[in-house]
Amino acid sequence: APGTLRGDNCISTGRNLIHGSDGPDSAKHEITMWFTPEEVSNYERALDSWIVSDN
């Protein structure tokens, strides 16, 4: 749809600049296709504790 990231940046199916996996299993598979384990890092954003909190 025009005005969305995919609609504005993905004119061709073969050249898809924006992609989102349809679930955690697909994401794991797709990440291993493009990245080595050394290129993937886990991190915690400082902002997350302000957005989601136990209290």
PDB file of N, CA and C in Angstrom:
ATOM      1  N   ALA A   1       0.839  -1.184   0.000  1.00  0.00           N
ATOM      2  CA  ALA A   1       0.000   0.000   0.000  1.00  0.00           C
ATOM      3  C   ALA A   1       0.884   1.247   0.000  1.00  0.00           C
ATOM      4  N   PRO A   2       0.573   2.232  -0.808  1.00  0.00           N
ATOM      5  CA  PRO A   2       1.345   3.469  -0.812  1.00  0.00           C
ATOM      6  C   PRO A   2       1.356   4.114   0.577  1.00  0.00           C
ATOM      7  N   GLY A   3       2.495   4.683   0.934  1.00  0.00           N
ATOM      8  CA  GLY A   3       2.623   5.310   2.242  1.00  0.00           C
ATOM      9  C   GLY A   3       3.183   4.389   3.308  1.00  0.00           C
ATOM     10  N   THR A   4       3.346   3.098   3.000  1.00  0.00           N
ATOM     11  CA  THR A   4       3.957   2.161   3.945  1.00  0.00           C
ATOM     12  C   THR A   4       5.402   1.920   3.527  1.00  0.00           C
ATOM     13  N   LEU A   5       6.225   1.407   4.446  1.00  0.00           N
ATOM     14  CA  LEU A   5       7.617   1.107   4.103  1.00  0.00           C
ATOM     15  C   LEU A   5       7.700   0.174   2.908  1.00  0.00           C
ATOM     16  N   ARG A   6       6.939  -0.895   2.955  1.00  0.00           N
ATOM     17  CA  ARG A   6       6.976  -1.871   1.858  1.00  0.00           C
ATOM     18  C   ARG A   6       6.432  -1.251   0.572  1.00  0.00           C
ATOM     19  N   GLY A   7       5.333  -0.548   0.658  1.00  0.00           N
ATOM     20  CA  GLY A   7       4.728   0.043  -0.534  1.00  0.00           C
ATOM     21  C   GLY A   7       5.603   1.091  -1.197  1.00  0.00           C
ATOM     22  N   ASP A   8       6.331   1.863  -0.400  1.00  0.00           N
ATOM     23  CA  ASP A   8       7.173   2.920  -0.956  1.00  0.00           C
ATOM     24  C   ASP A   8       8.549   2.431  -1.393  1.00  0.00           C
ATOM     25  N   ASN A   9       9.055   1.353  -0.802  1.00  0.00           N
ATOM     26  CA  ASN A   9      10.428   0.932  -1.057  1.00  0.00           C
ATOM     27  C   ASN A   9      10.566  -0.415  -1.745  1.00  0.00           C
ATOM     28  N   CYS A  10       9.489  -1.110  -1.974  1.00  0.00           N
ATOM     29  CA  CYS A  10       9.558  -2.459  -2.559  1.00  0.00           C
ATOM     30  C   CYS A  10       8.743  -2.522  -3.832  1.00  0.00           C
ATOM     31  N   ILE A  11       9.223  -1.854  -4.836  1.00  0.00           N
ATOM     32  CA  ILE A  11       8.487  -1.785  -6.088  1.00  0.00           C
ATOM     33  C   ILE A  11       8.463  -3.136  -6.789  1.00  0.00           C
ATOM     34  N   SER A  12       9.552  -3.885  -6.686  1.00  0.00           N
ATOM     35  CA  SER A  12       9.672  -5.168  -7.373  1.00  0.00           C
ATOM     36  C   SER A  12       9.735  -6.299  -6.360  1.00  0.00           C
ATOM     37  N   THR A  13       9.062  -7.402  -6.638  1.00  0.00           N
ATOM     38  CA  THR A  13       9.111  -8.558  -5.744  1.00  0.00           C
ATOM     39  C   THR A  13      10.517  -9.128  -5.663  1.00  0.00           C
ATOM     40  N   GLY A  14      11.257  -9.087  -6.755  1.00  0.00           N
ATOM     41  CA  GLY A  14      12.616  -9.622  -6.791  1.00  0.00           C
ATOM     42  C   GLY A  14      13.626  -8.769  -6.061  1.00  0.00           C
ATOM     43  N   ARG A  15      13.306  -7.519  -5.828  1.00  0.00           N
ATOM     44  CA  ARG A  15      14.214  -6.601  -5.133  1.00  0.00           C
ATOM     45  C   ARG A  15      13.493  -6.017  -3.928  1.00  0.00           C
ATOM     46  N   ASN A  16      13.319  -6.824  -2.937  1.00  0.00           N
ATOM     47  CA  ASN A  16      12.552  -6.462  -1.756  1.00  0.00           C
ATOM     48  C   ASN A  16      13.471  -5.852  -0.705  1.00  0.00           C
ATOM     49  N   LEU A  17      13.442  -4.527  -0.566  1.00  0.00           N
ATOM     50  CA  LEU A  17      14.288  -3.833   0.397  1.00  0.00           C
ATOM     51  C   LEU A  17      13.806  -4.039   1.826  1.00  0.00           C
ATOM     52  N   ILE A  18      12.513  -4.137   2.027  1.00  0.00           N
ATOM     53  CA  ILE A  18      11.926  -4.277   3.353  1.00  0.00           C
ATOM     54  C   ILE A  18      11.332  -5.672   3.481  1.00  0.00           C
ATOM     55  N   HIS A  19      11.687  -6.377   4.550  1.00  0.00           N
ATOM     56  CA  HIS A  19      11.147  -7.718   4.749  1.00  0.00           C
ATOM     57  C   HIS A  19      10.911  -7.956   6.230  1.00  0.00           C
ATOM     58  N   GLY A  20       9.846  -8.613   6.535  1.00  0.00           N
ATOM     59  CA  GLY A  20       9.566  -9.042   7.897  1.00  0.00           C
ATOM     60  C   GLY A  20       9.142 -10.496   7.874  1.00  0.00           C
ATOM     61  N   SER A  21       9.718 -11.293   8.733  1.00  0.00           N
ATOM     62  CA  SER A  21       9.368 -12.712   8.794  1.00  0.00           C
ATOM     63  C   SER A  21       7.959 -12.872   9.336  1.00  0.00           C
ATOM     64  N   ASP A  22       7.320 -13.985   8.988  1.00  0.00           N
ATOM     65  CA  ASP A  22       5.952 -14.219   9.440  1.00  0.00           C
ATOM     66  C   ASP A  22       5.888 -14.896  10.800  1.00  0.00           C
ATOM     67  N   GLY A  23       7.020 -15.192  11.409  1.00  0.00           N
ATOM     68  CA  GLY A  23       7.023 -15.807  12.735  1.00  0.00           C
ATOM     69  C   GLY A  23       8.439 -16.089  13.202  1.00  0.00           C
ATOM     70  N   PRO A  24       8.598 -16.456  14.462  1.00  0.00           N
ATOM     71  CA  PRO A  24       9.927 -16.703  15.034  1.00  0.00           C
ATOM     72  C   PRO A  24      10.709 -17.801  14.314  1.00  0.00           C
ATOM     73  N   ASP A  25      10.046 -18.878  13.905  1.00  0.00           N
ATOM     74  CA  ASP A  25      10.756 -19.964  13.221  1.00  0.00           C
ATOM     75  C   ASP A  25      11.276 -19.510  11.859  1.00  0.00           C
ATOM     76  N   SER A  26      10.451 -18.791  11.124  1.00  0.00           N
ATOM     77  CA  SER A  26      10.884 -18.265   9.826  1.00  0.00           C
ATOM     78  C   SER A  26      12.025 -17.274  10.005  1.00  0.00           C
ATOM     79  N   ALA A  27      11.931 -16.440  11.028  1.00  0.00           N
ATOM     80  CA  ALA A  27      12.982 -15.454  11.287  1.00  0.00           C
ATOM     81  C   ALA A  27      14.315 -16.141  11.559  1.00  0.00           C
ATOM     82  N   LYS A  28      14.315 -17.176  12.393  1.00  0.00           N
ATOM     83  CA  LYS A  28      15.558 -17.912  12.673  1.00  0.00           C
ATOM     84  C   LYS A  28      16.162 -18.464  11.392  1.00  0.00           C
ATOM     85  N   HIS A  29      15.318 -19.083  10.572  1.00  0.00           N
ATOM     86  CA  HIS A  29      15.787 -19.662   9.308  1.00  0.00           C
ATOM     87  C   HIS A  29      16.363 -18.579   8.392  1.00  0.00           C
ATOM     88  N   GLU A  30      15.656 -17.470   8.247  1.00  0.00           N
ATOM     89  CA  GLU A  30      16.085 -16.408   7.342  1.00  0.00           C
ATOM     90  C   GLU A  30      17.343 -15.712   7.847  1.00  0.00           C
ATOM     91  N   ILE A  31      17.466 -15.530   9.141  1.00  0.00           N
ATOM     92  CA  ILE A  31      18.663 -14.898   9.703  1.00  0.00           C
ATOM     93  C   ILE A  31      19.892 -15.744   9.425  1.00  0.00           C
ATOM     94  N   THR A  32      19.764 -17.074   9.590  1.00  0.00           N
ATOM     95  CA  THR A  32      20.922 -17.945   9.342  1.00  0.00           C
ATOM     96  C   THR A  32      21.296 -18.002   7.863  1.00  0.00           C
ATOM     97  N   MET A  33      20.374 -17.647   6.979  1.00  0.00           N
ATOM     98  CA  MET A  33      20.692 -17.604   5.547  1.00  0.00           C
ATOM     99  C   MET A  33      21.627 -16.444   5.222  1.00  0.00           C
ATOM    100  N   TRP A  34      21.502 -15.340   5.963  1.00  0.00           N
ATOM    101  CA  TRP A  34      22.215 -14.120   5.607  1.00  0.00           C
ATOM    102  C   TRP A  34      23.338 -13.743   6.565  1.00  0.00           C
ATOM    103  N   PHE A  35      23.299 -14.235   7.800  1.00  0.00           N
ATOM    104  CA  PHE A  35      24.275 -13.808   8.802  1.00  0.00           C
ATOM    105  C   PHE A  35      24.945 -14.994   9.469  1.00  0.00           C
ATOM    106  N   THR A  36      26.214 -14.818   9.845  1.00  0.00           N
ATOM    107  CA  THR A  36      26.909 -15.819  10.653  1.00  0.00           C
ATOM    108  C   THR A  36      26.556 -15.553  12.113  1.00  0.00           C
ATOM    109  N   PRO A  37      26.748 -16.525  13.002  1.00  0.00           N
ATOM    110  CA  PRO A  37      26.451 -16.287  14.422  1.00  0.00           C
ATOM    111  C   PRO A  37      27.222 -15.094  14.999  1.00  0.00           C
ATOM    112  N   GLU A  38      28.429 -14.851  14.497  1.00  0.00           N
ATOM    113  CA  GLU A  38      29.233 -13.724  14.989  1.00  0.00           C
ATOM    114  C   GLU A  38      28.643 -12.367  14.599  1.00  0.00           C
ATOM    115  N   GLU A  39      27.833 -12.341  13.556  1.00  0.00           N
ATOM    116  CA  GLU A  39      27.248 -11.086  13.090  1.00  0.00           C
ATOM    117  C   GLU A  39      25.936 -10.742  13.785  1.00  0.00           C
ATOM    118  N   VAL A  40      25.401 -11.672  14.553  1.00  0.00           N
ATOM    119  CA  VAL A  40      24.125 -11.453  15.237  1.00  0.00           C
ATOM    120  C   VAL A  40      24.408 -11.184  16.705  1.00  0.00           C
ATOM    121  N   SER A  41      23.853 -10.104  17.220  1.00  0.00           N
ATOM    122  CA  SER A  41      24.065  -9.803  18.638  1.00  0.00           C
ATOM    123  C   SER A  41      22.723  -9.596  19.336  1.00  0.00           C
ATOM    124  N   ASN A  42      22.691  -9.960  20.578  1.00  0.00           N
ATOM    125  CA  ASN A  42      21.519  -9.716  21.415  1.00  0.00           C
ATOM    126  C   ASN A  42      21.834  -8.516  22.289  1.00  0.00           C
ATOM    127  N   TYR A  43      20.922  -7.629  22.370  1.00  0.00           N
ATOM    128  CA  TYR A  43      21.130  -6.456  23.200  1.00  0.00           C
ATOM    129  C   TYR A  43      19.810  -6.019  23.803  1.00  0.00           C
ATOM    130  N   GLU A  44      19.912  -5.270  24.865  1.00  0.00           N
ATOM    131  CA  GLU A  44      18.736  -4.726  25.521  1.00  0.00           C
ATOM    132  C   GLU A  44      18.785  -3.211  25.369  1.00  0.00           C
ATOM    133  N   ARG A  45      17.751  -2.656  24.810  1.00  0.00           N
ATOM    134  CA  ARG A  45      17.706  -1.203  24.651  1.00  0.00           C
ATOM    135  C   ARG A  45      17.359  -0.554  25.980  1.00  0.00           C
ATOM    136  N   ALA A  46      17.983   0.549  26.295  1.00  0.00           N
ATOM    137  CA  ALA A  46      17.705   1.264  27.539  1.00  0.00           C
ATOM    138  C   ALA A  46      16.252   1.734  27.583  1.00  0.00           C
ATOM    139  N   LEU A  47      15.685   2.027  26.450  1.00  0.00           N
ATOM    140  CA  LEU A  47      14.315   2.524  26.370  1.00  0.00           C
ATOM    141  C   LEU A  47      13.283   1.470  26.757  1.00  0.00           C
ATOM    142  N   ASP A  48      13.613   0.185  26.549  1.00  0.00           N
ATOM    143  CA  ASP A  48      12.643  -0.883  26.811  1.00  0.00           C
ATOM    144  C   ASP A  48      12.131  -0.889  28.248  1.00  0.00           C
ATOM    145  N   SER A  49      12.990  -0.616  29.208  1.00  0.00           N
ATOM    146  CA  SER A  49      12.541  -0.621  30.605  1.00  0.00           C
ATOM    147  C   SER A  49      11.565   0.527  30.884  1.00  0.00           C
ATOM    148  N   TRP A  50      11.593   1.561  30.069  1.00  0.00           N
ATOM    149  CA  TRP A  50      10.636   2.659  30.228  1.00  0.00           C
ATOM    150  C   TRP A  50       9.296   2.323  29.568  1.00  0.00           C
ATOM    151  N   ILE A  51       9.342   1.498  28.538  1.00  0.00           N
ATOM    152  CA  ILE A  51       8.123   1.143  27.813  1.00  0.00           C
ATOM    153  C   ILE A  51       7.363   0.026  28.521  1.00  0.00           C
ATOM    154  N   VAL A  52       8.086  -1.013  28.972  1.00  0.00           N
ATOM    155  CA  VAL A  52       7.480  -2.170  29.627  1.00  0.00           C
ATOM    156  C   VAL A  52       8.090  -2.310  31.009  1.00  0.00           C
ATOM    157  N   SER A  53       7.249  -2.332  32.024  1.00  0.00           N
ATOM    158  CA  SER A  53       7.737  -2.427  33.398  1.00  0.00           C
ATOM    159  C   SER A  53       6.827  -3.344  34.199  1.00  0.00           C
ATOM    160  N   ASP A  54       7.391  -3.971  35.221  1.00  0.00           N
ATOM    161  CA  ASP A  54       6.600  -4.843  36.090  1.00  0.00           C
ATOM    162  C   ASP A  54       5.714  -4.060  37.056  1.00  0.00           C
ATOM    163  N   ASN A  55       6.018  -2.802  37.281  1.00  0.00           N
ATOM    164  CA  ASN A  55       5.215  -2.024  38.240  1.00  0.00           C
ATOM    165  C   ASN A  55       4.551  -0.836  37.618  1.00  0.00           C
TER     166      ASN A  55
END
